[in-house]
Amino acid sequence: MKAFSLDLRERIVEFVKQGGSKAEATRQFKVSKWTVYRYIEADREGSLTPRPWGGSKKKFEDDALRKEVKARPSATLKEYGESLGVSHVAVWRRLRQLAITRKKNACATRRGTISTDGSSKGRCLR
């Protein structure tokens, strides 16, 4: 949803300043009462211009993540995050956006990888 225009914000504040009630302003301009309250407060603070929104700048490059995954495919998200200087959640989101999957083999455990023997046809040796 886009921010309301500066012109509309000014008209709402001016309406209330000239004696109109906040409830009337919500009906006349078809905005919520909290929007009216926010605009009045913003006018008191000195600026009705909408705040910028849309997220923050990327903290790591996609190529760096791809190289990291290729170099250490069995690393955890936390390990990737530590090496890139971001949280494991940021790594997880970016991997999803890039459609990079990290399937583990059937022998992976919490303690590490259990070795496989070629004669066992891919079954884990315990």
N, C-alpha and C. Protein backbone atom coordinates (compact mmCIF):
# COMPACT_ATOMS: atom_id res chain seq x y z
N MET A 1 0.84 -1.17 0.00
CA MET A 1 0.00 0.00 0.00
C MET A 1 0.89 1.24 0.00
N LYS A 2 0.57 2.19 -0.85
CA LYS A 2 1.35 3.41 -0.95
C LYS A 2 0.94 4.39 0.13
N ALA A 3 1.85 5.27 0.48
CA ALA A 3 1.58 6.30 1.47
C ALA A 3 0.62 7.33 0.87
N PHE A 4 -0.18 7.94 1.74
CA PHE A 4 -1.07 9.00 1.28
C PHE A 4 -0.24 10.20 0.87
N SER A 5 -0.75 10.98 -0.09
CA SER A 5 -0.01 12.12 -0.61
C SER A 5 0.14 13.21 0.45
N LEU A 6 1.15 14.03 0.26
CA LEU A 6 1.39 15.14 1.17
C LEU A 6 0.22 16.11 1.15
N ASP A 7 -0.38 16.29 -0.02
CA ASP A 7 -1.54 17.19 -0.15
C ASP A 7 -2.70 16.72 0.74
N LEU A 8 -2.99 15.42 0.72
CA LEU A 8 -4.07 14.88 1.54
C LEU A 8 -3.74 15.04 3.02
N ARG A 9 -2.52 14.78 3.39
CA ARG A 9 -2.10 14.92 4.78
C ARG A 9 -2.32 16.36 5.26
N GLU A 10 -1.92 17.32 4.42
CA GLU A 10 -2.08 18.73 4.78
C GLU A 10 -3.56 19.11 4.90
N ARG A 11 -4.39 18.60 3.98
CA ARG A 11 -5.83 18.90 4.05
C ARG A 11 -6.47 18.34 5.32
N ILE A 12 -6.07 17.13 5.72
CA ILE A 12 -6.61 16.53 6.94
C ILE A 12 -6.23 17.36 8.16
N VAL A 13 -4.97 17.73 8.26
CA VAL A 13 -4.50 18.52 9.41
C VAL A 13 -5.19 19.89 9.42
N GLU A 14 -5.30 20.52 8.27
CA GLU A 14 -5.95 21.83 8.19
C GLU A 14 -7.42 21.74 8.59
N PHE A 15 -8.09 20.67 8.18
CA PHE A 15 -9.49 20.45 8.54
C PHE A 15 -9.65 20.41 10.07
N VAL A 16 -8.79 19.68 10.74
CA VAL A 16 -8.86 19.55 12.20
C VAL A 16 -8.49 20.87 12.87
N LYS A 17 -7.48 21.58 12.33
CA LYS A 17 -7.07 22.87 12.89
C LYS A 17 -8.19 23.91 12.81
N GLN A 18 -9.00 23.84 11.77
CA GLN A 18 -10.08 24.81 11.58
C GLN A 18 -11.34 24.45 12.38
N GLY A 19 -11.24 23.44 13.25
CA GLY A 19 -12.35 23.14 14.13
C GLY A 19 -13.10 21.85 13.82
N GLY A 20 -12.75 21.18 12.78
CA GLY A 20 -13.40 19.92 12.46
C GLY A 20 -12.95 18.84 13.44
N SER A 21 -13.85 17.94 13.76
CA SER A 21 -13.46 16.88 14.70
C SER A 21 -12.65 15.81 13.96
N LYS A 22 -11.94 15.03 14.75
CA LYS A 22 -11.14 13.94 14.16
C LYS A 22 -12.06 12.89 13.54
N ALA A 23 -13.20 12.65 14.17
CA ALA A 23 -14.16 11.68 13.64
C ALA A 23 -14.72 12.14 12.29
N GLU A 24 -14.99 13.44 12.19
CA GLU A 24 -15.47 13.99 10.91
C GLU A 24 -14.40 13.85 9.84
N ALA A 25 -13.16 14.09 10.23
CA ALA A 25 -12.06 13.98 9.27
C ALA A 25 -11.94 12.56 8.75
N THR A 26 -12.13 11.57 9.63
CA THR A 26 -12.03 10.18 9.17
C THR A 26 -13.11 9.85 8.16
N ARG A 27 -14.32 10.36 8.41
CA ARG A 27 -15.42 10.11 7.46
C ARG A 27 -15.23 10.86 6.15
N GLN A 28 -14.87 12.13 6.25
CA GLN A 28 -14.76 12.96 5.05
C GLN A 28 -13.62 12.52 4.13
N PHE A 29 -12.47 12.16 4.72
CA PHE A 29 -11.29 11.82 3.92
C PHE A 29 -11.10 10.31 3.76
N LYS A 30 -12.00 9.53 4.38
CA LYS A 30 -11.97 8.07 4.27
C LYS A 30 -10.61 7.49 4.68
N VAL A 31 -10.16 7.88 5.88
CA VAL A 31 -8.94 7.33 6.48
C VAL A 31 -9.28 6.88 7.89
N SER A 32 -8.41 6.11 8.50
CA SER A 32 -8.67 5.63 9.85
C SER A 32 -8.42 6.75 10.87
N LYS A 33 -8.99 6.58 12.07
CA LYS A 33 -8.79 7.60 13.10
C LYS A 33 -7.32 7.67 13.51
N TRP A 34 -6.62 6.51 13.47
CA TRP A 34 -5.21 6.50 13.84
C TRP A 34 -4.37 7.25 12.81
N THR A 35 -4.80 7.25 11.57
CA THR A 35 -4.10 8.01 10.54
C THR A 35 -4.22 9.50 10.84
N VAL A 36 -5.42 9.93 11.22
CA VAL A 36 -5.62 11.34 11.57
C VAL A 36 -4.74 11.70 12.77
N TYR A 37 -4.73 10.88 13.80
CA TYR A 37 -3.90 11.15 14.98
C TYR A 37 -2.42 11.24 14.61
N ARG A 38 -1.95 10.32 13.76
CA ARG A 38 -0.54 10.33 13.35
C ARG A 38 -0.19 11.61 12.60
N TYR A 39 -1.10 12.05 11.71
CA TYR A 39 -0.82 13.25 10.93
C TYR A 39 -0.81 14.49 11.81
N ILE A 40 -1.68 14.56 12.78
CA ILE A 40 -1.68 15.70 13.70
C ILE A 40 -0.39 15.72 14.51
N GLU A 41 0.02 14.56 15.00
CA GLU A 41 1.27 14.47 15.76
C GLU A 41 2.47 14.83 14.89
N ALA A 42 2.49 14.35 13.64
CA ALA A 42 3.59 14.66 12.73
C ALA A 42 3.64 16.15 12.43
N ASP A 43 2.49 16.79 12.32
CA ASP A 43 2.45 18.23 12.08
C ASP A 43 3.02 18.98 13.28
N ARG A 44 2.71 18.51 14.49
CA ARG A 44 3.27 19.14 15.69
C ARG A 44 4.79 19.02 15.71
N GLU A 45 5.29 17.87 15.24
CA GLU A 45 6.74 17.65 15.22
C GLU A 45 7.42 18.39 14.08
N GLY A 46 6.64 18.85 13.10
CA GLY A 46 7.21 19.70 12.06
C GLY A 46 7.25 19.15 10.65
N SER A 47 6.90 17.90 10.42
CA SER A 47 7.00 17.36 9.06
C SER A 47 5.89 16.35 8.79
N LEU A 48 5.13 16.61 7.73
CA LEU A 48 4.08 15.69 7.32
C LEU A 48 4.53 14.76 6.20
N THR A 49 5.75 14.92 5.73
CA THR A 49 6.20 14.08 4.61
C THR A 49 6.26 12.62 5.03
N PRO A 50 5.87 11.72 4.14
CA PRO A 50 5.90 10.30 4.48
C PRO A 50 7.32 9.80 4.72
N ARG A 51 7.45 8.90 5.68
CA ARG A 51 8.75 8.30 5.97
C ARG A 51 9.11 7.30 4.88
N PRO A 52 10.37 7.17 4.56
CA PRO A 52 10.77 6.16 3.57
C PRO A 52 10.54 4.77 4.12
N TRP A 53 10.14 3.85 3.25
CA TRP A 53 9.96 2.47 3.66
C TRP A 53 10.34 1.56 2.51
N GLY A 54 10.55 0.32 2.81
CA GLY A 54 10.91 -0.62 1.76
C GLY A 54 12.12 -1.46 2.08
N GLY A 55 12.48 -1.51 3.33
CA GLY A 55 13.56 -2.41 3.70
C GLY A 55 14.91 -1.74 3.77
N SER A 56 15.89 -2.53 4.03
CA SER A 56 17.24 -2.01 4.18
C SER A 56 18.12 -2.52 3.05
N LYS A 57 19.29 -1.95 2.99
CA LYS A 57 20.26 -2.35 1.98
C LYS A 57 20.77 -3.76 2.28
N LYS A 58 21.02 -4.52 1.24
CA LYS A 58 21.56 -5.86 1.43
C LYS A 58 22.90 -5.80 2.14
N LYS A 59 23.10 -6.72 3.08
CA LYS A 59 24.32 -6.71 3.87
C LYS A 59 25.38 -7.63 3.28
N PHE A 60 24.99 -8.47 2.32
CA PHE A 60 25.96 -9.33 1.67
C PHE A 60 25.50 -9.58 0.24
N GLU A 61 26.45 -9.87 -0.61
CA GLU A 61 26.16 -10.07 -2.03
C GLU A 61 25.76 -11.52 -2.30
N ASP A 62 24.92 -11.69 -3.30
CA ASP A 62 24.47 -13.03 -3.68
C ASP A 62 25.63 -13.92 -4.09
N ASP A 63 26.59 -13.33 -4.80
CA ASP A 63 27.74 -14.13 -5.25
C ASP A 63 28.55 -14.66 -4.07
N ALA A 64 28.67 -13.85 -3.02
CA ALA A 64 29.41 -14.30 -1.84
C ALA A 64 28.71 -15.49 -1.20
N LEU A 65 27.39 -15.45 -1.14
CA LEU A 65 26.63 -16.57 -0.57
C LEU A 65 26.75 -17.81 -1.45
N ARG A 66 26.65 -17.63 -2.75
CA ARG A 66 26.79 -18.78 -3.67
C ARG A 66 28.16 -19.44 -3.52
N LYS A 67 29.21 -18.61 -3.43
CA LYS A 67 30.57 -19.15 -3.27
C LYS A 67 30.70 -19.90 -1.95
N GLU A 68 30.10 -19.34 -0.91
CA GLU A 68 30.16 -19.96 0.41
C GLU A 68 29.47 -21.32 0.40
N VAL A 69 28.30 -21.40 -0.23
CA VAL A 69 27.55 -22.66 -0.29
C VAL A 69 28.31 -23.69 -1.13
N LYS A 70 28.91 -23.22 -2.21
CA LYS A 70 29.65 -24.15 -3.07
C LYS A 70 30.91 -24.66 -2.36
N ALA A 71 31.58 -23.78 -1.62
CA ALA A 71 32.82 -24.17 -0.93
C ALA A 71 32.55 -25.08 0.26
N ARG A 72 31.46 -24.81 0.98
CA ARG A 72 31.14 -25.60 2.18
C ARG A 72 29.68 -26.03 2.15
N PRO A 73 29.34 -27.03 1.33
CA PRO A 73 27.94 -27.42 1.18
C PRO A 73 27.32 -28.02 2.44
N SER A 74 28.12 -28.53 3.34
CA SER A 74 27.56 -29.17 4.53
C SER A 74 27.50 -28.23 5.74
N ALA A 75 27.86 -26.98 5.55
CA ALA A 75 27.84 -26.01 6.66
C ALA A 75 26.39 -25.69 7.04
N THR A 76 26.21 -25.26 8.27
CA THR A 76 24.88 -24.87 8.74
C THR A 76 24.61 -23.42 8.36
N LEU A 77 23.35 -23.02 8.47
CA LEU A 77 22.98 -21.64 8.19
C LEU A 77 23.72 -20.69 9.13
N LYS A 78 23.88 -21.11 10.36
CA LYS A 78 24.58 -20.29 11.35
C LYS A 78 26.03 -20.08 10.93
N GLU A 79 26.67 -21.13 10.43
CA GLU A 79 28.06 -21.01 9.99
C GLU A 79 28.18 -20.08 8.78
N TYR A 80 27.23 -20.21 7.84
CA TYR A 80 27.23 -19.30 6.70
C TYR A 80 27.06 -17.86 7.18
N GLY A 81 26.13 -17.66 8.10
CA GLY A 81 25.88 -16.32 8.62
C GLY A 81 27.09 -15.73 9.31
N GLU A 82 27.79 -16.54 10.10
CA GLU A 82 28.99 -16.06 10.79
C GLU A 82 30.07 -15.65 9.80
N SER A 83 30.24 -16.42 8.74
CA SER A 83 31.29 -16.10 7.77
C SER A 83 30.93 -14.87 6.93
N LEU A 84 29.63 -14.61 6.75
CA LEU A 84 29.20 -13.45 5.96
C LEU A 84 28.88 -12.24 6.82
N GLY A 85 28.85 -12.43 8.14
CA GLY A 85 28.58 -11.32 9.04
C GLY A 85 27.11 -10.94 9.14
N VAL A 86 26.22 -11.92 8.95
CA VAL A 86 24.77 -11.68 9.05
C VAL A 86 24.14 -12.79 9.89
N SER A 87 22.85 -12.67 10.14
CA SER A 87 22.17 -13.69 10.93
C SER A 87 21.84 -14.91 10.07
N HIS A 88 21.59 -16.03 10.73
CA HIS A 88 21.22 -17.24 10.00
C HIS A 88 19.87 -17.06 9.30
N VAL A 89 19.01 -16.21 9.85
CA VAL A 89 17.70 -15.95 9.23
C VAL A 89 17.88 -15.23 7.90
N ALA A 90 18.82 -14.27 7.86
CA ALA A 90 19.10 -13.55 6.61
C ALA A 90 19.61 -14.51 5.54
N VAL A 91 20.45 -15.43 5.95
CA VAL A 91 20.98 -16.43 5.01
C VAL A 91 19.85 -17.31 4.50
N TRP A 92 19.00 -17.78 5.43
CA TRP A 92 17.89 -18.66 5.05
C TRP A 92 16.96 -17.97 4.06
N ARG A 93 16.60 -16.70 4.33
CA ARG A 93 15.70 -15.97 3.42
C ARG A 93 16.32 -15.80 2.05
N ARG A 94 17.60 -15.45 2.02
CA ARG A 94 18.26 -15.22 0.74
C ARG A 94 18.41 -16.52 -0.05
N LEU A 95 18.70 -17.63 0.63
CA LEU A 95 18.76 -18.92 -0.06
C LEU A 95 17.41 -19.26 -0.69
N ARG A 96 16.34 -18.98 0.04
CA ARG A 96 14.99 -19.23 -0.51
C ARG A 96 14.72 -18.36 -1.72
N GLN A 97 15.09 -17.08 -1.65
CA GLN A 97 14.86 -16.16 -2.77
C GLN A 97 15.67 -16.57 -4.00
N LEU A 98 16.86 -17.10 -3.77
CA LEU A 98 17.71 -17.53 -4.88
C LEU A 98 17.40 -18.95 -5.34
N ALA A 99 16.47 -19.61 -4.67
CA ALA A 99 16.07 -20.99 -4.97
C ALA A 99 17.25 -21.95 -4.87
N ILE A 100 18.09 -21.74 -3.86
CA ILE A 100 19.21 -22.64 -3.61
C ILE A 100 18.79 -23.60 -2.50
N THR A 101 18.78 -24.89 -2.82
CA THR A 101 18.41 -25.88 -1.82
C THR A 101 19.67 -26.53 -1.29
N ARG A 102 19.59 -26.96 -0.06
CA ARG A 102 20.75 -27.58 0.59
C ARG A 102 20.34 -28.92 1.17
N LYS A 103 20.09 -29.88 0.34
CA LYS A 103 19.69 -31.21 0.81
C LYS A 103 20.87 -31.91 1.44
N LYS A 104 20.63 -32.51 2.56
CA LYS A 104 21.67 -33.29 3.23
C LYS A 104 21.50 -34.74 2.82
N ASN A 105 22.57 -35.52 2.89
CA ASN A 105 22.43 -36.94 2.56
C ASN A 105 21.79 -37.67 3.74
N ALA A 106 21.40 -38.88 3.52
CA ALA A 106 20.67 -39.64 4.53
C ALA A 106 21.51 -39.95 5.75
N CYS A 107 22.83 -39.84 5.66
CA CYS A 107 23.71 -40.19 6.77
C CYS A 107 24.06 -39.00 7.65
N ALA A 108 23.55 -37.82 7.37
CA ALA A 108 23.88 -36.65 8.17
C ALA A 108 23.23 -36.76 9.55
N THR A 109 23.98 -36.42 10.56
CA THR A 109 23.47 -36.43 11.93
C THR A 109 23.81 -35.10 12.58
N ARG A 110 23.34 -34.93 13.81
CA ARG A 110 23.64 -33.70 14.52
C ARG A 110 25.12 -33.60 14.87
N ARG A 111 25.76 -34.72 15.13
CA ARG A 111 27.16 -34.71 15.54
C ARG A 111 28.11 -34.61 14.35
N GLY A 112 27.66 -34.88 13.18
CA GLY A 112 28.54 -34.87 12.01
C GLY A 112 28.03 -35.85 10.98
N THR A 113 28.87 -36.24 10.08
CA THR A 113 28.48 -37.15 9.02
C THR A 113 29.01 -38.54 9.34
N ILE A 114 28.16 -39.53 9.17
CA ILE A 114 28.56 -40.92 9.34
C ILE A 114 29.10 -41.39 8.00
N SER A 115 30.22 -42.06 8.00
CA SER A 115 30.83 -42.48 6.75
C SER A 115 29.99 -43.54 6.06
N THR A 116 30.02 -43.52 4.74
CA THR A 116 29.31 -44.52 3.96
C THR A 116 30.33 -45.43 3.30
N ASP A 117 29.91 -46.64 3.05
CA ASP A 117 30.78 -47.62 2.42
C ASP A 117 30.17 -47.92 1.06
N GLY A 118 30.99 -47.94 0.01
CA GLY A 118 30.49 -48.20 -1.34
C GLY A 118 29.74 -49.51 -1.44
N SER A 119 30.10 -50.50 -0.64
CA SER A 119 29.44 -51.81 -0.73
C SER A 119 28.08 -51.81 -0.05
N SER A 120 27.80 -50.80 0.76
CA SER A 120 26.52 -50.79 1.46
C SER A 120 25.41 -50.15 0.64
N LYS A 121 25.69 -49.84 -0.63
CA LYS A 121 24.72 -49.28 -1.56
C LYS A 121 24.06 -48.01 -1.02
N GLY A 122 24.87 -47.13 -0.44
CA GLY A 122 24.36 -45.85 0.02
C GLY A 122 23.75 -45.86 1.40
N ARG A 123 23.70 -47.01 2.06
CA ARG A 123 23.14 -47.05 3.42
C ARG A 123 24.19 -46.57 4.40
N CYS A 124 23.73 -46.01 5.49
CA CYS A 124 24.63 -45.51 6.51
C CYS A 124 25.18 -46.66 7.33
N LEU A 125 26.44 -46.57 7.68
CA LEU A 125 27.07 -47.55 8.57
C LEU A 125 27.03 -46.98 9.98
N ARG A 126 26.54 -47.72 10.92
CA ARG A 126 26.45 -47.22 12.29
C ARG A 126 27.31 -48.00 13.20
